[in-house]
Amino acid sequence: MKRIGIIGAGRFGLALAESLANAGLEVVLIDRNRPAMQNASEFVNAMQGDATQPHVLEEAGFGECDLVVVAIGSNIEASTMATANCKELGVPNVVAKAASELHGKILRKIGADTVVYPDRDSAHRLARTIAKGDILDILEVSEGFSIAEIDVPDGMRGKTLAGADFRNATGLTVLCIRRADPADPLKPRNVVLPHADDVLLGDDKLIVFGETKKLDTVD
């Protein structure tokens, strides 16, 4: 079972923690806010603490997490310090929430593996992606519209884009396809510009654009 750490119990962090717990994952949640931790303790392992202090995260067991989500958005200093602390602890995958493009660039500079620009709804989407073993990188390009990476929906695998009627079926536009090299799957994925007759392979990753709410409807 995966062990997921979450730093920050705001609206996004709590929604993410609850969604992951409902998916059957072990979740460790930390925040300075005692009342929030008391409420969250009903469904996850919640503890009060200051994530900007490395020893606090270490004592809470964050170094043993498979993935940590830094769900602090408004306090940029706390967000960056918590992210840096997680990488220092050797966390293999750190997903950090950013409040702006500049904040996101800072987070990447200090080692964040993935940066998300989420609202409450995308907390549930991120939880589903973590539970499946993937990491979703969402960029909200304007209010209500995002670019995101998704898996090929089950019912569309083996079909062409035209045959799957992807745009009408999902309301999303495929910007490109990230496809594994069949000769060496360990190589970085190739980028394929989509054509109507391109066949969607089972392990393809699709970079799509559309309404953020429609991303939740794609399975």
Protein backbone atom coordinates (compact mmCIF):
# COMPACT_ATOMS: atom_id res chain seq x y z
CA MET A 1 0.00 0.00 0.00
CA LYS A 2 1.25 3.45 -0.85
CA ARG A 3 1.96 5.88 1.97
CA ILE A 4 1.04 9.43 0.99
CA GLY A 5 1.99 12.52 2.99
CA ILE A 6 0.05 15.77 2.76
CA ILE A 7 1.30 19.07 4.13
CA GLY A 8 -1.44 21.63 4.66
CA ALA A 9 -5.05 21.12 5.73
CA GLY A 10 -6.76 23.87 3.81
CA ARG A 11 -9.71 23.19 1.55
CA PHE A 12 -7.54 21.51 -1.11
CA GLY A 13 -5.43 19.48 1.34
CA LEU A 14 -8.44 18.16 3.26
CA ALA A 15 -10.32 17.26 0.07
CA LEU A 16 -7.25 15.44 -1.24
CA ALA A 17 -6.65 13.59 2.04
CA GLU A 18 -10.25 12.40 2.25
CA SER A 19 -10.28 11.28 -1.39
CA LEU A 20 -7.04 9.32 -0.98
CA ALA A 21 -8.26 7.71 2.24
CA ASN A 22 -11.47 6.68 0.48
CA ALA A 23 -9.32 5.11 -2.24
CA GLY A 24 -7.72 2.89 0.41
CA LEU A 25 -4.34 4.58 0.68
CA GLU A 26 -2.46 5.29 3.90
CA VAL A 27 -2.45 9.06 4.40
CA VAL A 28 -0.38 11.16 6.81
CA LEU A 29 -1.57 14.77 7.13
CA ILE A 30 0.23 17.60 8.93
CA ASP A 31 -0.79 21.19 9.60
CA ARG A 32 -0.25 23.84 12.27
CA ASN A 33 -4.01 24.16 12.83
CA ARG A 34 -5.07 21.95 15.75
CA PRO A 35 -8.87 22.06 15.11
CA ALA A 36 -8.34 21.07 11.48
CA MET A 37 -6.19 18.14 12.56
CA GLN A 38 -8.77 16.99 15.07
CA ASN A 39 -11.44 16.93 12.38
CA ALA A 40 -9.17 15.19 9.85
CA SER A 41 -8.16 12.50 12.36
CA GLU A 42 -11.52 10.86 11.71
CA PHE A 43 -10.32 9.59 8.32
CA VAL A 44 -6.49 9.93 8.19
CA ASN A 45 -3.42 9.92 10.42
CA ALA A 46 -3.43 13.63 11.26
CA MET A 47 -0.93 15.51 13.40
CA GLN A 48 -0.26 19.10 14.34
CA GLY A 49 3.17 20.42 13.40
CA ASP A 50 5.25 22.96 11.51
CA ALA A 51 6.37 21.50 8.18
CA THR A 52 8.97 24.24 7.73
CA GLN A 53 10.99 22.45 10.45
CA PRO A 54 12.83 19.43 8.96
CA HIS A 55 12.88 17.46 12.22
CA VAL A 56 9.09 17.76 12.54
CA LEU A 57 8.56 16.10 9.15
CA GLU A 58 11.17 13.47 9.91
CA GLU A 59 9.58 12.60 13.25
CA ALA A 60 6.16 12.43 11.58
CA GLY A 61 7.48 9.81 9.16
CA PHE A 62 7.36 11.85 5.98
CA GLY A 63 10.74 10.46 4.95
CA GLU A 64 9.07 7.05 4.56
CA CYS A 65 6.31 8.35 2.28
CA ASP A 66 6.17 7.22 -1.35
CA LEU A 67 4.83 10.62 -2.34
CA VAL A 68 4.20 13.91 -0.55
CA VAL A 69 1.80 16.64 -1.64
CA VAL A 70 2.65 20.13 -0.39
CA ALA A 71 -0.85 21.59 -0.33
CA ILE A 72 0.13 25.05 0.94
CA GLY A 73 -0.80 27.70 -1.59
CA SER A 74 -1.03 31.13 0.01
CA ASN A 75 2.14 31.09 2.14
CA ILE A 76 4.90 30.90 -0.47
CA GLU A 77 7.71 30.82 2.10
CA ALA A 78 6.16 27.91 4.01
CA SER A 79 5.41 26.11 0.75
CA THR A 80 8.96 26.35 -0.55
CA MET A 81 10.52 25.40 2.79
CA ALA A 82 8.25 22.37 3.16
CA THR A 83 9.04 21.27 -0.40
CA ALA A 84 12.79 21.63 0.17
CA ASN A 85 12.52 19.72 3.47
CA CYS A 86 10.77 16.81 1.76
CA LYS A 87 13.48 16.54 -0.89
CA GLU A 88 16.14 16.69 1.83
CA LEU A 89 14.39 13.76 3.54
CA GLY A 90 14.68 11.79 0.31
CA VAL A 91 10.99 11.71 -0.62
CA PRO A 92 11.04 10.23 -4.16
CA ASN A 93 8.10 12.23 -5.49
CA VAL A 94 6.98 15.66 -4.27
CA VAL A 95 3.88 17.30 -5.73
CA ALA A 96 3.55 20.97 -4.78
CA LYS A 97 0.57 23.28 -5.10
CA ALA A 98 1.38 26.68 -6.63
CA ALA A 99 -0.59 29.89 -6.32
CA SER A 100 0.94 31.46 -9.45
CA GLU A 101 3.30 30.77 -12.33
CA LEU A 102 6.15 32.45 -10.43
CA HIS A 103 5.46 30.34 -7.36
CA GLY A 104 5.50 27.26 -9.58
CA LYS A 105 8.86 28.17 -11.07
CA ILE A 106 10.32 28.58 -7.57
CA LEU A 107 8.95 25.21 -6.49
CA ARG A 108 10.50 23.48 -9.50
CA LYS A 109 13.85 25.20 -8.84
CA ILE A 110 14.01 23.75 -5.33
CA GLY A 111 13.16 20.24 -6.44
CA ALA A 112 9.38 19.76 -6.74
CA ASP A 113 8.82 16.86 -9.13
CA THR A 114 5.34 18.04 -10.15
CA VAL A 115 3.59 21.39 -9.74
CA VAL A 116 -0.19 21.73 -9.80
CA TYR A 117 -2.39 24.80 -10.01
CA PRO A 118 -5.55 23.40 -8.50
CA ASP A 119 -8.99 24.29 -7.26
CA ARG A 120 -11.09 22.08 -4.97
CA ASP A 121 -12.37 19.86 -7.76
CA SER A 122 -8.89 19.01 -8.99
CA ALA A 123 -8.01 17.72 -5.51
CA HIS A 124 -10.30 14.77 -6.20
CA ARG A 125 -8.80 14.38 -9.68
CA LEU A 126 -5.26 14.42 -8.27
CA ALA A 127 -6.28 11.82 -5.67
CA ARG A 128 -7.53 9.48 -8.38
CA THR A 129 -4.30 9.93 -10.33
CA ILE A 130 -2.11 9.21 -7.29
CA ALA A 131 -4.20 6.14 -6.47
CA LYS A 132 -3.63 4.84 -10.02
CA GLY A 133 0.11 5.34 -9.73
CA ASP A 134 0.38 8.32 -12.09
CA ILE A 135 1.07 11.99 -11.51
CA LEU A 136 -1.10 14.55 -13.17
CA ASP A 137 0.37 17.92 -14.10
CA ILE A 138 -2.45 20.43 -14.46
CA LEU A 139 -2.02 23.97 -15.72
CA GLU A 140 -5.05 26.22 -15.39
CA VAL A 141 -4.59 28.59 -18.33
CA SER A 142 -7.61 30.73 -17.47
CA GLU A 143 -10.50 30.51 -15.06
CA GLY A 144 -12.31 27.25 -15.73
CA PHE A 145 -9.98 26.05 -18.52
CA SER A 146 -6.91 23.83 -18.15
CA ILE A 147 -4.25 21.89 -19.99
CA ALA A 148 -3.68 18.45 -18.47
CA GLU A 149 -2.14 15.07 -19.14
CA ILE A 150 -4.58 12.15 -19.06
CA ASP A 151 -4.63 8.44 -19.88
CA VAL A 152 -6.51 7.21 -22.93
CA PRO A 153 -10.08 6.41 -21.80
CA ASP A 154 -10.72 2.66 -21.70
CA GLY A 155 -13.38 2.65 -24.39
CA MET A 156 -11.15 4.53 -26.84
CA ARG A 157 -8.04 2.37 -26.76
CA GLY A 158 -7.27 0.87 -30.15
CA LYS A 159 -9.47 3.38 -31.97
CA THR A 160 -8.43 6.34 -34.08
CA LEU A 161 -9.10 9.84 -32.81
CA ALA A 162 -11.80 10.16 -35.46
CA GLY A 163 -13.25 6.74 -34.68
CA ALA A 164 -13.36 7.49 -30.96
CA ASP A 165 -14.99 10.87 -31.71
CA PHE A 166 -12.77 12.11 -28.89
CA ARG A 167 -13.67 15.78 -28.96
CA ASN A 168 -17.43 15.27 -29.05
CA ALA A 169 -17.27 12.44 -26.50
CA THR A 170 -15.17 14.29 -23.94
CA GLY A 171 -15.45 18.00 -24.75
CA LEU A 172 -11.64 18.14 -24.76
CA THR A 173 -9.13 18.85 -27.53
CA VAL A 174 -6.03 16.65 -27.90
CA LEU A 175 -3.01 18.91 -28.27
CA CYS A 176 -0.46 16.12 -28.57
CA ILE A 177 0.15 12.46 -27.74
CA ARG A 178 3.08 11.38 -25.55
CA ARG A 179 4.00 7.88 -26.73
CA ALA A 180 6.54 5.41 -25.39
CA ASP A 181 9.29 4.24 -27.72
CA PRO A 182 8.43 0.59 -28.57
CA ALA A 183 12.13 -0.23 -28.95
CA ASP A 184 13.06 1.20 -25.56
CA PRO A 185 10.20 2.06 -23.16
CA LEU A 186 12.69 3.62 -20.75
CA LYS A 187 13.48 6.43 -23.15
CA PRO A 188 11.62 9.76 -22.80
CA ARG A 189 8.26 9.58 -24.56
CA ASN A 190 7.97 10.79 -28.13
CA VAL A 191 5.62 13.69 -28.85
CA VAL A 192 3.13 12.97 -31.64
CA LEU A 193 1.06 15.76 -33.17
CA PRO A 194 -2.43 14.28 -33.49
CA HIS A 195 -4.21 13.45 -36.75
CA ALA A 196 -7.68 12.08 -37.16
CA ASP A 197 -6.38 8.66 -38.23
CA ASP A 198 -3.89 8.27 -35.33
CA VAL A 199 -4.68 5.12 -33.34
CA LEU A 200 -4.81 5.63 -29.55
CA LEU A 201 -2.58 3.08 -27.83
CA GLY A 202 -3.29 1.76 -24.35
CA ASP A 203 -0.23 3.33 -22.72
CA ASP A 204 -0.40 6.68 -24.54
CA LYS A 205 -0.58 9.89 -22.53
CA LEU A 206 -2.77 12.63 -23.99
CA ILE A 207 -2.12 16.32 -23.46
CA VAL A 208 -5.57 17.87 -23.65
CA PHE A 209 -7.17 21.29 -23.37
CA GLY A 210 -10.68 22.14 -22.26
CA GLU A 211 -12.98 23.05 -19.41
CA THR A 212 -11.46 22.01 -16.09
CA LYS A 213 -14.74 20.42 -14.95
CA LYS A 214 -14.77 18.13 -18.00
CA LEU A 215 -11.46 16.55 -16.94
CA ASP A 216 -13.31 14.89 -14.06
CA THR A 217 -15.63 13.10 -16.47
CA VAL A 218 -12.86 11.33 -18.45
CA ASP A 219 -12.16 7.76 -17.30
